[in-house]
Amino acid sequence: MQDIEQRVSALLSDQFKVKADTIQPDVTLGKLSFDSLVLIELGLVLDKEFGVEIDDGELTEHHTIEGLVELLAAKGAAVR
């Protein structure tokens, strides 16, 4: 799961301009200023990157980075 976490961190930093030092396992998406529209965009990016299907509304501002990684792993995220 560490590979998934590293890829999620890179996506958040590169595509969503989140500062790398704020991306911690226990930080919520809400604390990273992700609103409902950004969460939908994040879901689409994760769908493409990991080959999983994340439904609209499945991600919330209450998800932590760790929780997001666990969700992706549970959905069978493709590991490179």
C-alpha atoms as a PDB file:
ATOM      1  CA  MET A   1       0.000   0.000   0.000  1.00  0.00           C
ATOM      2  CA  GLN A   2       3.000   2.265   0.327  1.00  0.00           C
ATOM      3  CA  ASP A   3       3.213   2.432  -3.476  1.00  0.00           C
ATOM      4  CA  ILE A   4      -0.417   3.580  -3.632  1.00  0.00           C
ATOM      5  CA  GLU A   5       0.225   6.200  -0.949  1.00  0.00           C
ATOM      6  CA  GLN A   6       3.245   7.546  -2.820  1.00  0.00           C
ATOM      7  CA  ARG A   7       1.276   7.770  -6.067  1.00  0.00           C
ATOM      8  CA  VAL A   8      -1.657   9.490  -4.327  1.00  0.00           C
ATOM      9  CA  SER A   9       0.760  11.985  -2.744  1.00  0.00           C
ATOM     10  CA  ALA A  10       2.361  12.686  -6.122  1.00  0.00           C
ATOM     11  CA  LEU A  11      -1.059  13.212  -7.746  1.00  0.00           C
ATOM     12  CA  LEU A  12      -2.189  15.581  -5.020  1.00  0.00           C
ATOM     13  CA  SER A  13       1.029  17.543  -5.277  1.00  0.00           C
ATOM     14  CA  ASP A  14       1.358  17.623  -9.072  1.00  0.00           C
ATOM     15  CA  GLN A  15      -2.226  17.886 -10.286  1.00  0.00           C
ATOM     16  CA  PHE A  16      -3.948  19.596  -7.362  1.00  0.00           C
ATOM     17  CA  LYS A  17      -1.038  21.804  -6.219  1.00  0.00           C
ATOM     18  CA  VAL A  18      -1.143  20.563  -2.624  1.00  0.00           C
ATOM     19  CA  LYS A  19       2.096  21.334  -0.789  1.00  0.00           C
ATOM     20  CA  ALA A  20       4.005  18.098  -0.230  1.00  0.00           C
ATOM     21  CA  ASP A  21       4.654  18.834   3.451  1.00  0.00           C
ATOM     22  CA  THR A  22       0.888  18.988   4.141  1.00  0.00           C
ATOM     23  CA  ILE A  23       0.204  15.530   2.706  1.00  0.00           C
ATOM     24  CA  GLN A  24       0.171  13.344   5.813  1.00  0.00           C
ATOM     25  CA  PRO A  25      -1.697  10.035   6.343  1.00  0.00           C
ATOM     26  CA  ASP A  26      -4.061  11.549   8.915  1.00  0.00           C
ATOM     27  CA  VAL A  27      -4.900  14.821   7.124  1.00  0.00           C
ATOM     28  CA  THR A  28      -8.425  15.034   5.719  1.00  0.00           C
ATOM     29  CA  LEU A  29      -9.253  16.123   2.204  1.00  0.00           C
ATOM     30  CA  GLY A  30     -11.291  18.933   3.753  1.00  0.00           C
ATOM     31  CA  LYS A  31      -8.202  20.293   5.500  1.00  0.00           C
ATOM     32  CA  LEU A  32      -6.534  20.323   2.082  1.00  0.00           C
ATOM     33  CA  SER A  33      -9.404  22.595   0.928  1.00  0.00           C
ATOM     34  CA  PHE A  34     -11.041  20.002  -1.318  1.00  0.00           C
ATOM     35  CA  ASP A  35     -14.684  20.922  -1.923  1.00  0.00           C
ATOM     36  CA  SER A  36     -17.318  18.776  -3.643  1.00  0.00           C
ATOM     37  CA  LEU A  37     -16.254  19.775  -7.170  1.00  0.00           C
ATOM     38  CA  VAL A  38     -12.592  19.084  -6.500  1.00  0.00           C
ATOM     39  CA  LEU A  39     -13.535  15.739  -4.931  1.00  0.00           C
ATOM     40  CA  ILE A  40     -15.343  14.750  -8.142  1.00  0.00           C
ATOM     41  CA  GLU A  41     -12.285  15.736 -10.170  1.00  0.00           C
ATOM     42  CA  LEU A  42     -10.065  13.779  -7.768  1.00  0.00           C
ATOM     43  CA  GLY A  43     -12.280  10.732  -8.185  1.00  0.00           C
ATOM     44  CA  LEU A  44     -11.921  10.924 -11.977  1.00  0.00           C
ATOM     45  CA  VAL A  45      -8.144  11.278 -11.739  1.00  0.00           C
ATOM     46  CA  LEU A  46      -7.938   8.306  -9.343  1.00  0.00           C
ATOM     47  CA  ASP A  47     -10.188   6.243 -11.654  1.00  0.00           C
ATOM     48  CA  LYS A  48      -7.769   6.803 -14.520  1.00  0.00           C
ATOM     49  CA  GLU A  49      -4.546   6.462 -12.519  1.00  0.00           C
ATOM     50  CA  PHE A  50      -5.455   3.321 -10.593  1.00  0.00           C
ATOM     51  CA  GLY A  51      -7.940   1.592 -12.895  1.00  0.00           C
ATOM     52  CA  VAL A  52     -10.751   1.630 -10.329  1.00  0.00           C
ATOM     53  CA  GLU A  53     -14.233   3.112 -10.292  1.00  0.00           C
ATOM     54  CA  ILE A  54     -14.966   5.711  -7.655  1.00  0.00           C
ATOM     55  CA  ASP A  55     -18.578   6.832  -7.706  1.00  0.00           C
ATOM     56  CA  ASP A  56     -19.601  10.480  -7.416  1.00  0.00           C
ATOM     57  CA  GLY A  57     -20.126  11.240  -3.747  1.00  0.00           C
ATOM     58  CA  GLU A  58     -17.989   8.317  -2.578  1.00  0.00           C
ATOM     59  CA  LEU A  59     -15.168  10.671  -1.611  1.00  0.00           C
ATOM     60  CA  THR A  60     -15.895  13.200   1.104  1.00  0.00           C
ATOM     61  CA  GLU A  61     -13.950  15.958   2.786  1.00  0.00           C
ATOM     62  CA  HIS A  62     -13.778  13.660   5.832  1.00  0.00           C
ATOM     63  CA  HIS A  63     -11.581  11.080   4.074  1.00  0.00           C
ATOM     64  CA  THR A  64      -8.000  11.031   5.279  1.00  0.00           C
ATOM     65  CA  ILE A  65      -5.133  10.275   2.929  1.00  0.00           C
ATOM     66  CA  GLU A  66      -4.768   6.942   4.729  1.00  0.00           C
ATOM     67  CA  GLY A  67      -8.491   6.239   4.260  1.00  0.00           C
ATOM     68  CA  LEU A  68      -8.214   7.127   0.579  1.00  0.00           C
ATOM     69  CA  VAL A  69      -5.312   4.699   0.161  1.00  0.00           C
ATOM     70  CA  GLU A  70      -7.314   1.971   1.933  1.00  0.00           C
ATOM     71  CA  LEU A  71     -10.313   2.648  -0.326  1.00  0.00           C
ATOM     72  CA  LEU A  72      -8.158   2.362  -3.438  1.00  0.00           C
ATOM     73  CA  ALA A  73      -6.552  -0.866  -2.186  1.00  0.00           C
ATOM     74  CA  ALA A  74      -9.979  -2.343  -1.374  1.00  0.00           C
ATOM     75  CA  LYS A  75     -11.127  -1.545  -4.904  1.00  0.00           C
ATOM     76  CA  GLY A  76      -8.131  -3.378  -6.351  1.00  0.00           C
ATOM     77  CA  ALA A  77      -6.020  -0.381  -7.354  1.00  0.00           C
ATOM     78  CA  ALA A  78      -3.477  -1.332  -9.985  1.00  0.00           C
ATOM     79  CA  VAL A  79      -0.007  -1.314  -8.477  1.00  0.00           C
ATOM     80  CA  ARG A  80       2.845  -0.567 -10.839  1.00  0.00           C
END
